[in-house]
Structure formats: structure tokens, C-alpha cells
């Protein structure tokens, strides 16, 4: 699996987890503050889309994942 695929999987996981923990109707609701994590992930995805730079991808590459095409 390439680094960009891992970044997308992690981003999706973090967004879904933060929604599950932050939406009051959820059975695993903890606090609405968890929605800030979804916003943070969204801002980072937007930033990396414009700049082409992603800290998460750099970290994942250093951990041994191959670079994406």
C-alpha cells in the first residue's frame, strides 16, 4: 500500500470516529468537541490539496511505506 493510500484511510477513519463521538444522536457520543477533530482533518486535507505537502504522508514514508504515484 502506498503512503497516499494510508493517509486517505487514516483521514477517513479519523473523520468517521470523530463524527461518531461528536454527534449527540450517536450511541457512542462523548462530547461535541470531537467534531473539532473532523474539522482539523478537513483543513489539513484542503491544505495538502493546494500545497501538495502533507505531514502525515512524510511521517508514514519515514515509517517505511512506499511513496505514492
N, C-alpha and C. Protein backbone atom coordinates (compact mmCIF):
# COMPACT_ATOMS: atom_id res chain seq x y z
N UNK A 1 0.85 -1.17 0.00
CA UNK A 1 0.00 0.00 0.00
C UNK A 1 0.90 1.24 0.00
N UNK A 2 0.55 2.22 -0.78
CA UNK A 2 1.37 3.42 -0.85
C UNK A 2 1.01 4.42 0.25
N UNK A 3 1.90 5.38 0.45
CA UNK A 3 1.72 6.35 1.54
C UNK A 3 0.45 7.17 1.38
N UNK A 4 0.10 7.56 0.16
CA UNK A 4 -1.11 8.39 -0.01
C UNK A 4 -2.37 7.57 0.27
N UNK A 5 -2.34 6.27 0.00
CA UNK A 5 -3.49 5.44 0.33
C UNK A 5 -3.66 5.32 1.84
N UNK A 6 -2.56 5.18 2.55
CA UNK A 6 -2.61 5.09 4.01
C UNK A 6 -3.12 6.40 4.60
N UNK A 7 -2.67 7.54 4.05
CA UNK A 7 -3.15 8.85 4.53
C UNK A 7 -4.65 8.97 4.34
N UNK A 8 -5.16 8.56 3.21
CA UNK A 8 -6.61 8.65 2.97
C UNK A 8 -7.40 7.74 3.90
N UNK A 9 -6.88 6.54 4.14
CA UNK A 9 -7.55 5.62 5.08
C UNK A 9 -7.56 6.20 6.49
N UNK A 10 -6.43 6.75 6.92
CA UNK A 10 -6.37 7.37 8.25
C UNK A 10 -7.30 8.57 8.35
N UNK A 11 -7.31 9.42 7.33
CA UNK A 11 -8.17 10.60 7.36
C UNK A 11 -9.64 10.19 7.44
N UNK A 12 -10.04 9.24 6.64
CA UNK A 12 -11.42 8.77 6.68
C UNK A 12 -11.79 8.16 8.02
N UNK A 13 -10.86 7.41 8.59
CA UNK A 13 -11.09 6.80 9.89
C UNK A 13 -11.26 7.86 10.97
N UNK A 14 -10.38 8.87 10.95
CA UNK A 14 -10.47 9.94 11.95
C UNK A 14 -11.77 10.73 11.81
N UNK A 15 -12.19 11.01 10.59
CA UNK A 15 -13.44 11.76 10.39
C UNK A 15 -14.62 10.95 10.89
N UNK A 16 -14.71 9.68 10.51
CA UNK A 16 -15.84 8.86 10.95
C UNK A 16 -15.85 8.67 12.47
N UNK A 17 -14.67 8.47 13.05
CA UNK A 17 -14.58 8.31 14.50
C UNK A 17 -15.00 9.59 15.22
N UNK A 18 -14.54 10.75 14.73
CA UNK A 18 -14.90 12.00 15.39
C UNK A 18 -16.39 12.30 15.25
N UNK A 19 -16.98 11.92 14.12
CA UNK A 19 -18.42 12.11 13.97
C UNK A 19 -19.19 11.19 14.91
N UNK A 20 -18.74 9.95 15.04
CA UNK A 20 -19.41 9.02 15.95
C UNK A 20 -19.34 9.50 17.40
N UNK A 21 -18.21 10.09 17.77
CA UNK A 21 -18.04 10.55 19.15
C UNK A 21 -18.60 11.95 19.39
N UNK A 22 -18.86 12.71 18.32
CA UNK A 22 -19.25 14.10 18.49
C UNK A 22 -20.69 14.46 18.18
N UNK A 23 -21.42 13.56 17.53
CA UNK A 23 -22.82 13.86 17.19
C UNK A 23 -23.72 13.36 18.32
N UNK A 24 -24.54 14.24 18.89
CA UNK A 24 -25.36 13.86 20.06
C UNK A 24 -26.26 12.65 19.86
N UNK A 25 -26.71 12.35 18.66
CA UNK A 25 -27.59 11.20 18.44
C UNK A 25 -26.86 9.87 18.37
N UNK A 26 -25.55 9.90 18.37
CA UNK A 26 -24.75 8.69 18.25
C UNK A 26 -24.79 7.87 19.55
N UNK A 27 -24.79 6.55 19.42
CA UNK A 27 -24.79 5.72 20.64
C UNK A 27 -23.47 5.80 21.42
N UNK A 28 -22.41 6.28 20.79
CA UNK A 28 -21.12 6.40 21.47
C UNK A 28 -20.73 7.86 21.70
N UNK A 29 -21.72 8.74 21.73
CA UNK A 29 -21.48 10.18 21.91
C UNK A 29 -20.74 10.44 23.22
N UNK A 30 -19.70 11.27 23.12
CA UNK A 30 -18.96 11.70 24.32
C UNK A 30 -19.07 13.21 24.51
N UNK A 31 -18.72 13.97 23.46
CA UNK A 31 -18.72 15.42 23.56
C UNK A 31 -18.75 16.01 22.15
N UNK A 32 -19.40 17.16 22.02
CA UNK A 32 -19.42 17.84 20.73
C UNK A 32 -18.05 18.34 20.32
N UNK A 33 -17.12 18.42 21.25
CA UNK A 33 -15.77 18.86 20.94
C UNK A 33 -15.05 17.90 20.01
N UNK A 34 -15.50 16.65 19.92
CA UNK A 34 -14.89 15.70 19.00
C UNK A 34 -15.05 16.14 17.54
N UNK A 35 -16.04 16.98 17.27
CA UNK A 35 -16.24 17.48 15.90
C UNK A 35 -15.08 18.36 15.46
N UNK A 36 -14.34 18.91 16.41
CA UNK A 36 -13.16 19.71 16.07
C UNK A 36 -12.11 18.84 15.38
N UNK A 37 -12.04 17.57 15.72
CA UNK A 37 -11.10 16.68 15.05
C UNK A 37 -11.46 16.52 13.57
N UNK A 38 -12.74 16.39 13.28
CA UNK A 38 -13.17 16.30 11.88
C UNK A 38 -12.82 17.58 11.13
N UNK A 39 -13.00 18.72 11.76
CA UNK A 39 -12.65 20.00 11.13
C UNK A 39 -11.14 20.08 10.91
N UNK A 40 -10.35 19.64 11.86
CA UNK A 40 -8.89 19.66 11.74
C UNK A 40 -8.43 18.79 10.57
N UNK A 41 -8.98 17.60 10.46
CA UNK A 41 -8.63 16.70 9.36
C UNK A 41 -9.03 17.33 8.03
N UNK A 42 -10.21 17.93 7.97
CA UNK A 42 -10.67 18.57 6.74
C UNK A 42 -9.78 19.72 6.32
N UNK A 43 -9.36 20.53 7.27
CA UNK A 43 -8.47 21.66 6.96
C UNK A 43 -7.13 21.15 6.45
N UNK A 44 -6.60 20.10 7.06
CA UNK A 44 -5.33 19.54 6.61
C UNK A 44 -5.45 18.93 5.22
N UNK A 45 -6.56 18.27 4.92
CA UNK A 45 -6.76 17.73 3.57
C UNK A 45 -6.86 18.86 2.55
N UNK A 46 -7.56 19.92 2.89
CA UNK A 46 -7.67 21.07 2.00
C UNK A 46 -6.31 21.71 1.76
N UNK A 47 -5.55 21.90 2.83
CA UNK A 47 -4.22 22.49 2.72
C UNK A 47 -3.31 21.63 1.86
N UNK A 48 -3.32 20.32 2.05
CA UNK A 48 -2.44 19.45 1.27
C UNK A 48 -2.87 19.39 -0.19
N UNK A 49 -4.15 19.58 -0.44
CA UNK A 49 -4.62 19.62 -1.82
C UNK A 49 -4.09 20.83 -2.57
N UNK A 50 -3.98 21.96 -1.89
CA UNK A 50 -3.48 23.18 -2.52
C UNK A 50 -1.96 23.22 -2.60
N UNK A 51 -1.29 22.74 -1.55
CA UNK A 51 0.17 22.88 -1.49
C UNK A 51 0.92 21.64 -1.94
N UNK A 52 0.29 20.47 -1.89
CA UNK A 52 0.97 19.23 -2.23
C UNK A 52 1.84 18.70 -1.11
N UNK A 53 1.80 19.33 0.06
CA UNK A 53 2.61 18.92 1.20
C UNK A 53 1.71 18.36 2.30
N UNK A 54 2.07 17.19 2.82
CA UNK A 54 1.28 16.55 3.87
C UNK A 54 2.22 15.97 4.92
N UNK A 55 2.14 16.46 6.13
CA UNK A 55 2.99 15.98 7.21
C UNK A 55 2.74 14.50 7.50
N UNK A 56 1.49 14.09 7.49
CA UNK A 56 1.17 12.69 7.75
C UNK A 56 1.84 11.77 6.74
N UNK A 57 1.83 12.16 5.49
CA UNK A 57 2.45 11.33 4.45
C UNK A 57 3.96 11.24 4.66
N UNK A 58 4.58 12.33 5.05
CA UNK A 58 6.02 12.30 5.32
C UNK A 58 6.34 11.35 6.47
N UNK A 59 5.53 11.40 7.51
CA UNK A 59 5.76 10.51 8.66
C UNK A 59 5.58 9.06 8.24
N UNK A 60 4.54 8.78 7.46
CA UNK A 60 4.26 7.41 7.02
C UNK A 60 5.39 6.90 6.12
N UNK A 61 5.93 7.78 5.27
CA UNK A 61 7.08 7.38 4.43
C UNK A 61 8.29 7.04 5.28
N UNK A 62 8.53 7.82 6.32
CA UNK A 62 9.68 7.56 7.19
C UNK A 62 9.50 6.24 7.96
N UNK A 63 8.24 5.83 8.14
CA UNK A 63 7.96 4.55 8.81
C UNK A 63 8.09 3.36 7.87
N UNK A 64 8.34 3.65 6.58
CA UNK A 64 8.62 2.55 5.67
C UNK A 64 7.66 2.33 4.52
N UNK A 65 6.59 3.09 4.43
CA UNK A 65 5.65 2.93 3.32
C UNK A 65 6.27 3.50 2.05
N UNK A 66 5.93 2.89 0.92
CA UNK A 66 6.47 3.40 -0.34
C UNK A 66 5.73 4.66 -0.76
N UNK A 67 6.43 5.50 -1.49
CA UNK A 67 5.84 6.75 -1.97
C UNK A 67 4.74 6.46 -2.98
N UNK A 68 3.69 7.28 -2.96
CA UNK A 68 2.59 7.11 -3.89
C UNK A 68 2.93 7.67 -5.26
N UNK A 69 2.19 7.22 -6.25
CA UNK A 69 2.43 7.68 -7.62
C UNK A 69 1.56 8.87 -7.96
